Protein backbone atom coordinates (compact mmCIF):
# COMPACT_ATOMS: atom_id res chain seq x y z
CA MET A 1 -0.14 0.31 -0.01
CA ASP A 2 1.78 3.14 -1.24
CA THR A 3 1.35 6.72 0.46
CA VAL A 4 1.29 9.74 -1.95
CA ASN A 5 0.91 13.47 -0.79
CA ILE A 6 -2.01 15.42 -1.96
CA HIS A 7 -0.40 17.34 -4.56
CA GLU A 8 1.12 14.14 -6.32
CA ALA A 9 -2.57 12.79 -6.02
CA LYS A 10 -3.81 15.45 -7.88
CA THR A 11 -1.06 15.41 -10.85
CA GLN A 12 -1.50 11.68 -10.79
CA LEU A 13 -5.01 10.96 -10.44
CA SER A 14 -5.42 8.98 -13.48
CA ARG A 15 -2.83 6.77 -12.78
CA LEU A 16 -3.67 6.08 -9.32
CA ILE A 17 -6.98 5.25 -10.37
CA GLU A 18 -5.85 2.65 -12.82
CA ARG A 19 -3.56 1.02 -9.94
CA VAL A 20 -6.87 1.00 -7.74
CA CYS A 21 -8.77 -0.83 -10.42
CA ALA A 22 -5.86 -3.23 -10.25
CA GLY A 23 -6.66 -3.98 -6.97
CA GLU A 24 -4.16 -1.88 -4.88
CA GLU A 25 -4.95 0.79 -2.18
CA ILE A 26 -3.30 4.03 -1.99
CA ILE A 27 -3.20 6.21 1.18
CA ILE A 28 -3.58 10.06 0.55
CA ALA A 29 -1.39 11.96 3.09
CA ARG A 30 -1.11 16.00 3.88
CA GLY A 31 1.95 17.04 5.39
CA GLY A 32 3.00 13.33 5.90
CA LYS A 33 -0.27 12.48 7.83
CA PRO A 34 -2.68 9.92 6.14
CA VAL A 35 -5.87 11.72 5.36
CA ALA A 36 -8.00 9.51 2.98
CA ARG A 37 -7.67 6.03 1.44
CA LEU A 38 -8.01 5.48 -2.63
CA ALA A 39 -9.76 2.01 -2.64
CA PRO A 40 -11.64 -0.07 -5.10
CA LEU A 41 -15.09 -0.53 -4.77
CA LEU A 42 -16.38 -3.84 -3.46
CA ARG A 43 -18.73 -5.67 -5.86
CA SER A 44 -21.39 -7.80 -4.92
CA ALA A 45 -19.94 -11.69 -4.91
CA LYS A 46 -23.02 -12.82 -7.00
CA PRO A 47 -26.00 -10.53 -9.14
CA ARG A 48 -29.19 -10.38 -7.45
CA THR A 49 -31.90 -12.41 -8.50
CA PRO A 50 -35.32 -10.62 -8.97
CA GLY A 51 -38.33 -12.61 -7.41
CA LEU A 52 -36.00 -14.62 -4.92
CA LEU A 53 -38.52 -13.84 -1.95
CA LYS A 54 -41.48 -14.62 -4.26
CA GLY A 55 -44.15 -16.11 -2.05
CA LYS A 56 -42.44 -15.59 0.93
CA ILE A 57 -43.32 -11.82 1.50
CA TRP A 58 -46.85 -10.48 1.44
CA VAL A 59 -48.24 -6.88 1.70
CA ALA A 60 -51.44 -6.35 3.52
CA LYS A 61 -54.35 -4.94 1.10
CA ASP A 62 -54.85 -1.68 3.08
CA PHE A 63 -51.13 -1.36 3.09
CA ASN A 64 -51.78 2.33 1.21
CA ALA A 65 -54.64 3.02 3.19
CA PRO A 66 -54.69 6.18 5.25
CA LEU A 67 -53.53 6.42 8.85
CA PRO A 68 -55.88 7.14 11.63
CA ASP A 69 -55.56 10.78 12.41
CA ASP A 70 -54.08 9.91 16.08
CA LEU A 71 -51.44 7.90 14.47
CA LEU A 72 -50.64 10.52 11.78
CA ASP A 73 -50.21 13.00 14.22
CA LEU A 74 -47.74 10.86 16.11
CA PHE A 75 -45.49 10.37 12.79
CA GLU A 76 -45.60 13.99 12.20
CA GLY A 77 -44.28 14.68 15.78
CA LYS A 78 -47.55 16.40 16.89
CA SER A 79 -48.52 15.86 20.55
CA PRO A 80 -51.21 13.31 21.18
CA PRO A 81 -54.53 14.28 22.28
CA GLU A 82 -54.75 14.75 26.02
CA GLU A 83 -56.72 11.61 26.64
CA HIS A 84 -54.26 9.66 25.30
CA ARG A 85 -51.59 11.00 27.25
CA ALA A 86 -53.57 10.46 30.27
CA ALA A 87 -54.05 6.81 29.27
CA ARG A 88 -50.30 6.48 28.98
CA LYS A 89 -49.58 7.67 32.53
CA ALA A 90 -52.21 5.39 33.95
CA LYS A 91 -50.63 2.24 32.10
CA THR A 92 -47.42 3.24 33.55
CA ARG A 93 -48.54 3.69 37.04
CA ARG A 94 -50.18 0.33 37.19
CA ARG A 95 -46.91 -1.29 36.51
């Protein structure tokens, strides 16, 4: 694994990329201290197969149905209605 300074990396980028494509990793340094690593992208071992989980996963018919207002409010970060907060507090006290 070679180390090159930033100036060299800028002027020799095409050559460095060719080396990386051949499998090398190159460290880029600033002032002698490593700051980045130039490395090849990892490829998937085998290509994905469409339909691999067919029949193993199902989506409910009402998947796209609108959410109830109280649940939607929670997703949007709005405070729950006072009666919901009171019910939660009561459950917490019972435990």
